[in-house]
Structure formats: structure tokens, C-alpha cells
Amino acid sequence: MPEYIDIAVNLIGSALEKNIDDVVQRAANHGVSPLIVIGSDLPESAKAIECCRAYPKRLYCTAGVHPHHASDWCSSSTEQLKQLVDNAEVVALGECGLDYNRDFSPRPMQRHAFEEQLALAVELQMPVLMHERDAHADFFAIMKEFRGELPGALLHCFTGDRRSMEAYLELDLHLGITGWVCDERRGQELAELVVEIPDDRILIETDSPYLLPRSMRPKPKSGKNEPQYLPYISQYVATLRGQDPKQFAARTYQNSVEFFGLAI
């Protein structure tokens, strides 16, 4: 019986794509199923949908345009995205948001693409899966405008500080926690904050193949993160929160089912 849902897997366009069968099966062997496959731009989202059709009820996906690709957003993008999210395999709109750390797309274009996608999510009444890095002020301002009309909003791979966490919880966002919290160098502040996320607002993810938990022993020889390692992250977070690992896993599983509206 599955015990975990990995809410963010970069299965398409990453090092995992060439071994999808093995990745999905290894995850299932460790009780991790289904997986939510991330769509980072429109072509990748279309590929994610096709991939999900090959693994019914084992894979679901998002469809959207990541801020790195915001410069590709054009007048026809809304209609293209609307057609993509009309597929049953798509359970959230995204990954959308703002990234001022790398600025692969100009910031005004990031904000425009983000607002357009949020407006579409409101129109279609779909939950959104979002990205924010070093862009708290603008992200919060935009979300504050749209949040009241969105059925659900998830900030995945949350690595912010206390101020941003409190602000996002005030907006009733769900927060996705990755293996970043297992890094004694970069994740120390998050390890302290994760204790304060309400039970009904926390989700867990690998964001694989990235963010392999630094504290994991033994280290995978491949050096890549995979959904099969989600139980390690779950137990680590449960221990930080002082909660029973099985109860924490069950709660985050149910949170994921409810957020994405999964028919499980």
C-alpha cells in the first residue's frame, strides 16, 4: 500500500528521463506512488502529459511555465496552456512563479507570465504549484492579489526565512519541503522553521533529481536524487517536528490527495 506521494519530480528533461520505468518502479517499491511530474514550459508539459498516460494513476503532472522560461510567454501562451490543463492527467497549473536568484528571464516578464498563469488558474479553478527564490516581496504582492480566488496554492521547495514563511502561511499557502532540510550547512534555518508549519499545510517532495539529502547514508552511487528517497526525507522531517513518522507520512499523503484532488 503506498504511503507517500512525491509532489515534485522533474522527470522530463532531466537525468531521470532515460530511465523512467526504473524510477517509477523503485519509487513504488518504497511506497512512493503516485508521483507528480513537473511541467516547466509548454513543450515539457505536453511531454509530461504523454508520459503520465503510459503510467495511469502512477503519474500525474502539472502544466505551466517556470520563471526561467518566462521570456517564452507570448500572446498565444494562455490558450496553449488552457488546452494542456484540460487533460485529465494535469492536476495543477504550474510550475509558475518568480526567480530573482538566476534571472534567466527579465523580471518584468517573469511577473507578467506569473500573473497570466494565476489568472488562468482562477478562471479554471485549478490549484497552482509555484516557485519562488529571492523574490519574496514581489511574489507575496502578486499572490495577495489572486489568493482569495484560487482553490489551492502550493509553494514547492520552500527554503525561505521566518518572515516569508509566516507571510505565506498567512496567505494560506501549502509549503513543500525537500531534502534541503537535511543539509546541515544550508538547511539549518529551515530545520528550525519546519516545526512550525501547521499539519494541514505541509507537503513533502524530492524535487528529484536535484537536492539529494546531504545527510543520507550510504550515498547513492549515482549522486542523483529519486522519488524512492522520499521516505528518508519524511522521517527526517517527522523527527524534527517530534511526530510519529507513520502518522506524519499518513498526514502528508492525505494533504497531497486533497490538494491535487487525486482519485485514490
C-alpha atoms as a PDB file:
ATOM      1  CA  MET A   1       0.000   0.000   0.000  1.00  0.00           C
ATOM      2  CA  PRO A   2       1.525   3.399  -0.978  1.00  0.00           C
ATOM      3  CA  GLU A   3       2.431   5.606   1.960  1.00  0.00           C
ATOM      4  CA  TYR A   4       3.943   8.636   0.251  1.00  0.00           C
ATOM      5  CA  ILE A   5       3.225  10.974  -2.651  1.00  0.00           C
ATOM      6  CA  ASP A   6       6.151  12.854  -4.169  1.00  0.00           C
ATOM      7  CA  ILE A   7       4.615  16.176  -5.141  1.00  0.00           C
ATOM      8  CA  ALA A   8       7.503  17.429  -7.312  1.00  0.00           C
ATOM      9  CA  VAL A   9       9.533  15.209  -9.634  1.00  0.00           C
ATOM     10  CA  ASN A  10      11.495  16.642 -12.571  1.00  0.00           C
ATOM     11  CA  LEU A  11      11.066  13.508 -14.631  1.00  0.00           C
ATOM     12  CA  ILE A  12      11.048  15.128 -18.077  1.00  0.00           C
ATOM     13  CA  GLY A  13      14.081  16.994 -19.367  1.00  0.00           C
ATOM     14  CA  SER A  14      16.340  15.731 -16.596  1.00  0.00           C
ATOM     15  CA  ALA A  15      18.750  12.887 -15.924  1.00  0.00           C
ATOM     16  CA  LEU A  16      15.790  10.731 -14.838  1.00  0.00           C
ATOM     17  CA  GLU A  17      14.027  10.746 -18.201  1.00  0.00           C
ATOM     18  CA  LYS A  18      16.084   7.966 -19.787  1.00  0.00           C
ATOM     19  CA  ASN A  19      15.142   5.515 -17.006  1.00  0.00           C
ATOM     20  CA  ILE A  20      11.503   6.366 -16.301  1.00  0.00           C
ATOM     21  CA  ASP A  21      10.403   2.739 -15.893  1.00  0.00           C
ATOM     22  CA  ASP A  22      13.056   2.092 -13.272  1.00  0.00           C
ATOM     23  CA  VAL A  23      12.472   5.371 -11.438  1.00  0.00           C
ATOM     24  CA  VAL A  24       8.720   4.775 -11.172  1.00  0.00           C
ATOM     25  CA  GLN A  25       9.172   1.162 -10.081  1.00  0.00           C
ATOM     26  CA  ARG A  26      11.870   1.914  -7.498  1.00  0.00           C
ATOM     27  CA  ALA A  27       9.615   4.584  -6.030  1.00  0.00           C
ATOM     28  CA  ALA A  28       6.665   2.188  -5.845  1.00  0.00           C
ATOM     29  CA  ASN A  29       8.889  -0.422  -4.183  1.00  0.00           C
ATOM     30  CA  HIS A  30       9.474   2.097  -1.386  1.00  0.00           C
ATOM     31  CA  GLY A  31       5.800   3.011  -1.037  1.00  0.00           C
ATOM     32  CA  VAL A  32       6.063   6.234  -3.057  1.00  0.00           C
ATOM     33  CA  SER A  33       3.173   6.442  -5.521  1.00  0.00           C
ATOM     34  CA  PRO A  34       1.817   8.351  -7.327  1.00  0.00           C
ATOM     35  CA  LEU A  35       4.403  10.892  -8.442  1.00  0.00           C
ATOM     36  CA  ILE A  36       3.578  14.424  -9.559  1.00  0.00           C
ATOM     37  CA  VAL A  37       5.659  15.221 -12.641  1.00  0.00           C
ATOM     38  CA  ILE A  38       6.569  18.878 -13.084  1.00  0.00           C
ATOM     39  CA  GLY A  39       5.950  20.786 -16.312  1.00  0.00           C
ATOM     40  CA  SER A  40       8.393  23.691 -16.613  1.00  0.00           C
ATOM     41  CA  ASP A  41       7.402  25.033 -20.026  1.00  0.00           C
ATOM     42  CA  LEU A  42       4.685  24.302 -22.562  1.00  0.00           C
ATOM     43  CA  PRO A  43       6.543  21.649 -24.627  1.00  0.00           C
ATOM     44  CA  GLU A  44       7.748  19.907 -21.473  1.00  0.00           C
ATOM     45  CA  SER A  45       4.229  19.979 -20.046  1.00  0.00           C
ATOM     46  CA  ALA A  46       2.923  18.282 -23.202  1.00  0.00           C
ATOM     47  CA  LYS A  47       5.604  15.589 -22.843  1.00  0.00           C
ATOM     48  CA  ALA A  48       4.708  15.155 -19.180  1.00  0.00           C
ATOM     49  CA  ILE A  49       1.081  14.508 -20.120  1.00  0.00           C
ATOM     50  CA  GLU A  50       2.112  11.836 -22.620  1.00  0.00           C
ATOM     51  CA  CYS A  51       4.381  10.263 -20.026  1.00  0.00           C
ATOM     52  CA  CYS A  52       1.555  10.142 -17.485  1.00  0.00           C
ATOM     53  CA  ARG A  53      -0.669   8.317 -19.972  1.00  0.00           C
ATOM     54  CA  ALA A  54       1.867   5.491 -20.022  1.00  0.00           C
ATOM     55  CA  TYR A  55       1.590   5.153 -16.217  1.00  0.00           C
ATOM     56  CA  PRO A  56      -2.084   5.687 -15.327  1.00  0.00           C
ATOM     57  CA  LYS A  57      -2.654   6.547 -11.655  1.00  0.00           C
ATOM     58  CA  ARG A  58       1.080   6.172 -11.027  1.00  0.00           C
ATOM     59  CA  LEU A  59       1.986   9.504 -12.586  1.00  0.00           C
ATOM     60  CA  TYR A  60       0.141  12.804 -12.654  1.00  0.00           C
ATOM     61  CA  CYS A  61       1.568  16.129 -13.756  1.00  0.00           C
ATOM     62  CA  THR A  62       1.444  19.896 -13.710  1.00  0.00           C
ATOM     63  CA  ALA A  63       1.430  22.158 -16.748  1.00  0.00           C
ATOM     64  CA  GLY A  64       2.876  25.630 -16.771  1.00  0.00           C
ATOM     65  CA  VAL A  65       5.790  27.955 -17.425  1.00  0.00           C
ATOM     66  CA  HIS A  66       8.617  28.255 -14.893  1.00  0.00           C
ATOM     67  CA  PRO A  67      10.037  31.767 -14.359  1.00  0.00           C
ATOM     68  CA  HIS A  68      13.259  30.633 -16.054  1.00  0.00           C
ATOM     69  CA  HIS A  69      11.201  30.300 -19.255  1.00  0.00           C
ATOM     70  CA  ALA A  70       9.016  33.380 -18.768  1.00  0.00           C
ATOM     71  CA  SER A  71      10.639  35.109 -21.746  1.00  0.00           C
ATOM     72  CA  ASP A  72       8.957  32.474 -23.941  1.00  0.00           C
ATOM     73  CA  TRP A  73       5.492  33.598 -22.794  1.00  0.00           C
ATOM     74  CA  CYS A  74       3.577  35.204 -25.650  1.00  0.00           C
ATOM     75  CA  SER A  75       0.062  36.197 -26.696  1.00  0.00           C
ATOM     76  CA  SER A  76      -0.893  32.598 -27.537  1.00  0.00           C
ATOM     77  CA  SER A  77       0.543  31.022 -24.378  1.00  0.00           C
ATOM     78  CA  THR A  78      -2.613  31.323 -22.298  1.00  0.00           C
ATOM     79  CA  GLU A  79      -4.684  29.452 -24.868  1.00  0.00           C
ATOM     80  CA  GLN A  80      -1.993  26.789 -25.317  1.00  0.00           C
ATOM     81  CA  LEU A  81      -1.772  26.280 -21.567  1.00  0.00           C
ATOM     82  CA  LYS A  82      -5.553  26.175 -21.278  1.00  0.00           C
ATOM     83  CA  GLN A  83      -5.622  23.275 -23.734  1.00  0.00           C
ATOM     84  CA  LEU A  84      -2.882  21.434 -21.837  1.00  0.00           C
ATOM     85  CA  VAL A  85      -4.520  21.678 -18.428  1.00  0.00           C
ATOM     86  CA  ASP A  86      -7.756  20.346 -19.908  1.00  0.00           C
ATOM     87  CA  ASN A  87      -6.154  16.886 -19.897  1.00  0.00           C
ATOM     88  CA  ALA A  88      -7.150  14.609 -17.032  1.00  0.00           C
ATOM     89  CA  GLU A  89      -3.509  13.891 -16.188  1.00  0.00           C
ATOM     90  CA  VAL A  90      -2.919  17.520 -15.178  1.00  0.00           C
ATOM     91  CA  VAL A  91      -3.709  18.101 -11.509  1.00  0.00           C
ATOM     92  CA  ALA A  92      -2.288  21.612 -11.047  1.00  0.00           C
ATOM     93  CA  LEU A  93      -1.207  24.619 -13.048  1.00  0.00           C
ATOM     94  CA  GLY A  94       2.499  25.371 -12.807  1.00  0.00           C
ATOM     95  CA  GLU A  95       5.341  25.374 -12.108  1.00  0.00           C
ATOM     96  CA  CYS A  96       4.981  29.132 -12.168  1.00  0.00           C
ATOM     97  CA  GLY A  97       6.359  31.942 -10.058  1.00  0.00           C
ATOM     98  CA  LEU A  98       9.388  34.201  -9.699  1.00  0.00           C
ATOM     99  CA  ASP A  99      13.134  33.534  -9.562  1.00  0.00           C
ATOM    100  CA  TYR A 100      15.328  36.577  -8.904  1.00  0.00           C
ATOM    101  CA  ASN A 101      18.306  34.415  -7.986  1.00  0.00           C
ATOM    102  CA  ARG A 102      19.256  33.423 -11.509  1.00  0.00           C
ATOM    103  CA  ASP A 103      17.177  35.863 -13.566  1.00  0.00           C
ATOM    104  CA  PHE A 104      17.166  33.626 -16.627  1.00  0.00           C
ATOM    105  CA  SER A 105      14.199  35.734 -17.794  1.00  0.00           C
ATOM    106  CA  PRO A 106      13.818  39.501 -17.231  1.00  0.00           C
ATOM    107  CA  ARG A 107      11.925  40.235 -14.042  1.00  0.00           C
ATOM    108  CA  PRO A 108       9.067  42.161 -15.680  1.00  0.00           C
ATOM    109  CA  MET A 109       8.484  39.174 -17.991  1.00  0.00           C
ATOM    110  CA  GLN A 110       8.550  36.829 -15.003  1.00  0.00           C
ATOM    111  CA  ARG A 111       5.896  38.857 -13.248  1.00  0.00           C
ATOM    112  CA  HIS A 112       3.740  39.033 -16.377  1.00  0.00           C
ATOM    113  CA  ALA A 113       3.878  35.281 -17.029  1.00  0.00           C
ATOM    114  CA  PHE A 114       3.162  34.569 -13.357  1.00  0.00           C
ATOM    115  CA  GLU A 115       0.136  36.863 -13.275  1.00  0.00           C
ATOM    116  CA  GLU A 116      -1.225  35.441 -16.528  1.00  0.00           C
ATOM    117  CA  GLN A 117      -0.983  31.896 -15.182  1.00  0.00           C
ATOM    118  CA  LEU A 118      -2.612  32.801 -11.890  1.00  0.00           C
ATOM    119  CA  ALA A 119      -5.448  34.483 -13.766  1.00  0.00           C
ATOM    120  CA  LEU A 120      -5.952  31.318 -15.791  1.00  0.00           C
ATOM    121  CA  ALA A 121      -5.927  29.201 -12.629  1.00  0.00           C
ATOM    122  CA  VAL A 122      -8.636  31.443 -11.192  1.00  0.00           C
ATOM    123  CA  GLU A 123     -10.670  31.155 -14.388  1.00  0.00           C
ATOM    124  CA  LEU A 124     -10.381  27.352 -14.441  1.00  0.00           C
ATOM    125  CA  GLN A 125     -10.460  26.984 -10.651  1.00  0.00           C
ATOM    126  CA  MET A 126      -7.301  24.909 -10.607  1.00  0.00           C
ATOM    127  CA  PRO A 127      -4.704  24.708  -7.834  1.00  0.00           C
ATOM    128  CA  VAL A 128      -1.272  26.157  -8.604  1.00  0.00           C
ATOM    129  CA  LEU A 129       2.203  24.792  -7.909  1.00  0.00           C
ATOM    130  CA  MET A 130       4.672  27.646  -7.579  1.00  0.00           C
ATOM    131  CA  HIS A 131       8.348  28.556  -7.370  1.00  0.00           C
ATOM    132  CA  GLU A 132       9.875  31.487  -5.504  1.00  0.00           C
ATOM    133  CA  ARG A 133      13.544  32.246  -4.991  1.00  0.00           C
ATOM    134  CA  ASP A 134      14.915  35.571  -3.755  1.00  0.00           C
ATOM    135  CA  ALA A 135      11.696  37.263  -4.883  1.00  0.00           C
ATOM    136  CA  HIS A 136       9.590  37.336  -1.740  1.00  0.00           C
ATOM    137  CA  ALA A 137       8.272  40.902  -1.913  1.00  0.00           C
ATOM    138  CA  ASP A 138       7.004  40.728  -5.487  1.00  0.00           C
ATOM    139  CA  PHE A 139       5.796  37.150  -5.124  1.00  0.00           C
ATOM    140  CA  PHE A 140       3.817  37.993  -1.995  1.00  0.00           C
ATOM    141  CA  ALA A 141       2.274  41.095  -3.579  1.00  0.00           C
ATOM    142  CA  ILE A 142       1.110  39.165  -6.632  1.00  0.00           C
ATOM    143  CA  MET A 143      -0.181  36.231  -4.596  1.00  0.00           C
ATOM    144  CA  LYS A 144      -2.066  38.534  -2.266  1.00  0.00           C
ATOM    145  CA  GLU A 145      -3.971  39.853  -5.273  1.00  0.00           C
ATOM    146  CA  PHE A 146      -5.003  36.404  -6.542  1.00  0.00           C
ATOM    147  CA  ARG A 147      -5.049  34.117  -3.488  1.00  0.00           C
ATOM    148  CA  GLY A 148      -8.662  34.742  -2.478  1.00  0.00           C
ATOM    149  CA  GLU A 149      -9.934  33.357  -5.790  1.00  0.00           C
ATOM    150  CA  LEU A 150      -7.606  30.355  -6.063  1.00  0.00           C
ATOM    151  CA  PRO A 151      -8.834  26.948  -4.837  1.00  0.00           C
ATOM    152  CA  GLY A 152      -5.339  25.980  -3.688  1.00  0.00           C
ATOM    153  CA  ALA A 153      -1.797  27.358  -3.806  1.00  0.00           C
ATOM    154  CA  LEU A 154       1.395  25.408  -3.133  1.00  0.00           C
ATOM    155  CA  LEU A 155       4.865  26.898  -2.865  1.00  0.00           C
ATOM    156  CA  HIS A 156       7.052  23.927  -3.603  1.00  0.00           C
ATOM    157  CA  CYS A 157      10.653  23.550  -2.398  1.00  0.00           C
ATOM    158  CA  PHE A 158      10.228  26.166   0.318  1.00  0.00           C
ATOM    159  CA  THR A 159      13.633  27.334   1.592  1.00  0.00           C
ATOM    160  CA  GLY A 160      12.757  30.803   2.867  1.00  0.00           C
ATOM    161  CA  ASP A 161      13.216  32.532   6.203  1.00  0.00           C
ATOM    162  CA  ARG A 162      10.814  33.014   9.087  1.00  0.00           C
ATOM    163  CA  ARG A 163       9.369  36.238   7.699  1.00  0.00           C
ATOM    164  CA  SER A 164       8.487  34.681   4.377  1.00  0.00           C
ATOM    165  CA  MET A 165       7.126  31.514   5.977  1.00  0.00           C
ATOM    166  CA  GLU A 166       4.803  33.454   8.222  1.00  0.00           C
ATOM    167  CA  ALA A 167       3.661  35.632   5.327  1.00  0.00           C
ATOM    168  CA  TYR A 168       2.915  32.632   3.108  1.00  0.00           C
ATOM    169  CA  LEU A 169       1.062  30.809   5.846  1.00  0.00           C
ATOM    170  CA  GLU A 170      -0.969  33.961   6.403  1.00  0.00           C
ATOM    171  CA  LEU A 171      -1.987  33.648   2.733  1.00  0.00           C
ATOM    172  CA  ASP A 172      -2.994  30.046   3.452  1.00  0.00           C
ATOM    173  CA  LEU A 173      -0.385  28.534   1.141  1.00  0.00           C
ATOM    174  CA  HIS A 174       0.748  24.931   1.316  1.00  0.00           C
ATOM    175  CA  LEU A 175       4.520  24.559   1.680  1.00  0.00           C
ATOM    176  CA  GLY A 176       6.531  21.747   0.085  1.00  0.00           C
ATOM    177  CA  ILE A 177       9.594  20.570   1.991  1.00  0.00           C
ATOM    178  CA  THR A 178      12.530  18.864   0.264  1.00  0.00           C
ATOM    179  CA  GLY A 179      15.815  17.254   1.281  1.00  0.00           C
ATOM    180  CA  TRP A 180      17.197  20.785   1.634  1.00  0.00           C
ATOM    181  CA  VAL A 181      16.160  20.409   5.271  1.00  0.00           C
ATOM    182  CA  CYS A 182      18.680  17.557   5.611  1.00  0.00           C
ATOM    183  CA  ASP A 183      21.639  19.818   4.797  1.00  0.00           C
ATOM    184  CA  GLU A 184      23.398  20.922   7.983  1.00  0.00           C
ATOM    185  CA  ARG A 185      25.006  23.821   6.111  1.00  0.00           C
ATOM    186  CA  ARG A 186      22.229  25.415   4.050  1.00  0.00           C
ATOM    187  CA  GLY A 187      19.174  23.877   5.687  1.00  0.00           C
ATOM    188  CA  GLN A 188      19.692  24.742   9.346  1.00  0.00           C
ATOM    189  CA  GLU A 189      17.175  27.599   9.405  1.00  0.00           C
ATOM    190  CA  LEU A 190      14.598  25.528   7.542  1.00  0.00           C
ATOM    191  CA  ALA A 191      15.099  22.674  10.026  1.00  0.00           C
ATOM    192  CA  GLU A 192      14.074  25.092  12.779  1.00  0.00           C
ATOM    193  CA  LEU A 193      11.123  26.541  10.863  1.00  0.00           C
ATOM    194  CA  VAL A 194       9.633  23.262   9.628  1.00  0.00           C
ATOM    195  CA  VAL A 195       8.466  22.565  13.178  1.00  0.00           C
ATOM    196  CA  GLU A 196       6.041  25.476  12.936  1.00  0.00           C
ATOM    197  CA  ILE A 197       4.282  24.611   9.682  1.00  0.00           C
ATOM    198  CA  PRO A 198       0.714  23.507  10.500  1.00  0.00           C
ATOM    199  CA  ASP A 199      -0.105  19.833   9.948  1.00  0.00           C
ATOM    200  CA  ASP A 200      -2.616  20.665   7.228  1.00  0.00           C
ATOM    201  CA  ARG A 201      -0.248  22.917   5.266  1.00  0.00           C
ATOM    202  CA  ILE A 202       2.878  20.778   4.914  1.00  0.00           C
ATOM    203  CA  LEU A 203       3.711  18.557   1.941  1.00  0.00           C
ATOM    204  CA  ILE A 204       6.886  16.587   1.176  1.00  0.00           C
ATOM    205  CA  GLU A 205       8.840  16.197  -2.051  1.00  0.00           C
ATOM    206  CA  THR A 206      12.185  15.222  -3.502  1.00  0.00           C
ATOM    207  CA  ASP A 207      12.415  17.776  -6.346  1.00  0.00           C
ATOM    208  CA  SER A 208      14.480  14.987  -7.902  1.00  0.00           C
ATOM    209  CA  PRO A 209      16.943  14.581  -9.494  1.00  0.00           C
ATOM    210  CA  TYR A 210      18.057  17.629  -7.500  1.00  0.00           C
ATOM    211  CA  LEU A 211      18.561  18.153  -3.763  1.00  0.00           C
ATOM    212  CA  LEU A 212      19.735  14.684  -2.748  1.00  0.00           C
ATOM    213  CA  PRO A 213      19.553  14.722   1.083  1.00  0.00           C
ATOM    214  CA  ARG A 214      23.063  15.539   2.258  1.00  0.00           C
ATOM    215  CA  SER A 215      22.689  13.527   5.477  1.00  0.00           C
ATOM    216  CA  MET A 216      21.678  10.292   3.714  1.00  0.00           C
ATOM    217  CA  ARG A 217      23.958   7.313   4.338  1.00  0.00           C
ATOM    218  CA  PRO A 218      25.021   5.498   2.318  1.00  0.00           C
ATOM    219  CA  LYS A 219      25.012   7.971  -0.543  1.00  0.00           C
ATOM    220  CA  PRO A 220      23.570   6.676  -3.832  1.00  0.00           C
ATOM    221  CA  LYS A 221      26.396   5.923  -6.250  1.00  0.00           C
ATOM    222  CA  SER A 222      24.607   7.836  -8.993  1.00  0.00           C
ATOM    223  CA  GLY A 223      24.623  11.038  -6.945  1.00  0.00           C
ATOM    224  CA  LYS A 224      21.086  11.737  -8.188  1.00  0.00           C
ATOM    225  CA  ASN A 225      18.031  12.173  -6.075  1.00  0.00           C
ATOM    226  CA  GLU A 226      14.993   9.983  -6.812  1.00  0.00           C
ATOM    227  CA  PRO A 227      11.417   9.665  -5.530  1.00  0.00           C
ATOM    228  CA  GLN A 228      12.415   6.408  -3.811  1.00  0.00           C
ATOM    229  CA  TYR A 229      14.246   8.524  -1.219  1.00  0.00           C
ATOM    230  CA  LEU A 230      11.144  10.413  -0.123  1.00  0.00           C
ATOM    231  CA  PRO A 231      10.620   8.158   2.940  1.00  0.00           C
ATOM    232  CA  TYR A 232      14.020   9.289   4.228  1.00  0.00           C
ATOM    233  CA  ILE A 233      13.005  12.943   3.928  1.00  0.00           C
ATOM    234  CA  SER A 234       9.634  12.223   5.523  1.00  0.00           C
ATOM    235  CA  GLN A 235      11.178  10.513   8.535  1.00  0.00           C
ATOM    236  CA  TYR A 236      13.770  13.259   8.907  1.00  0.00           C
ATOM    237  CA  VAL A 237      11.083  15.962   8.936  1.00  0.00           C
ATOM    238  CA  ALA A 238       8.866  13.952  11.299  1.00  0.00           C
ATOM    239  CA  THR A 239      11.765  13.645  13.738  1.00  0.00           C
ATOM    240  CA  LEU A 240      12.398  17.398  13.600  1.00  0.00           C
ATOM    241  CA  ARG A 241       8.713  18.005  14.306  1.00  0.00           C
ATOM    242  CA  GLY A 242       8.602  15.458  17.139  1.00  0.00           C
ATOM    243  CA  GLN A 243       5.889  13.475  15.373  1.00  0.00           C
ATOM    244  CA  ASP A 244       5.415   9.771  14.814  1.00  0.00           C
ATOM    245  CA  PRO A 245       6.894   9.028  11.359  1.00  0.00           C
ATOM    246  CA  LYS A 246       3.966   6.874  10.243  1.00  0.00           C
ATOM    247  CA  GLN A 247       1.395   9.419  11.344  1.00  0.00           C
ATOM    248  CA  PHE A 248       3.318  12.235   9.664  1.00  0.00           C
ATOM    249  CA  ALA A 249       3.581  10.221   6.444  1.00  0.00           C
ATOM    250  CA  ALA A 250      -0.150   9.493   6.539  1.00  0.00           C
ATOM    251  CA  ARG A 251      -0.985  13.154   7.093  1.00  0.00           C
ATOM    252  CA  THR A 252       1.193  14.459   4.261  1.00  0.00           C
ATOM    253  CA  TYR A 253      -0.163  11.736   1.982  1.00  0.00           C
ATOM    254  CA  GLN A 254      -3.719  12.873   2.709  1.00  0.00           C
ATOM    255  CA  ASN A 255      -2.742  16.535   2.315  1.00  0.00           C
ATOM    256  CA  SER A 256      -1.401  15.714  -1.155  1.00  0.00           C
ATOM    257  CA  VAL A 257      -4.508  13.773  -2.163  1.00  0.00           C
ATOM    258  CA  GLU A 258      -6.745  16.635  -1.104  1.00  0.00           C
ATOM    259  CA  PHE A 259      -4.638  19.420  -2.611  1.00  0.00           C
ATOM    260  CA  PHE A 260      -4.366  17.832  -6.050  1.00  0.00           C
ATOM    261  CA  GLY A 261      -7.833  16.257  -5.983  1.00  0.00           C
ATOM    262  CA  LEU A 262      -6.434  12.797  -6.679  1.00  0.00           C
ATOM    263  CA  ALA A 263      -8.907   9.954  -7.165  1.00  0.00           C
ATOM    264  CA  ILE A 264      -7.199   7.434  -4.885  1.00  0.00           C
END
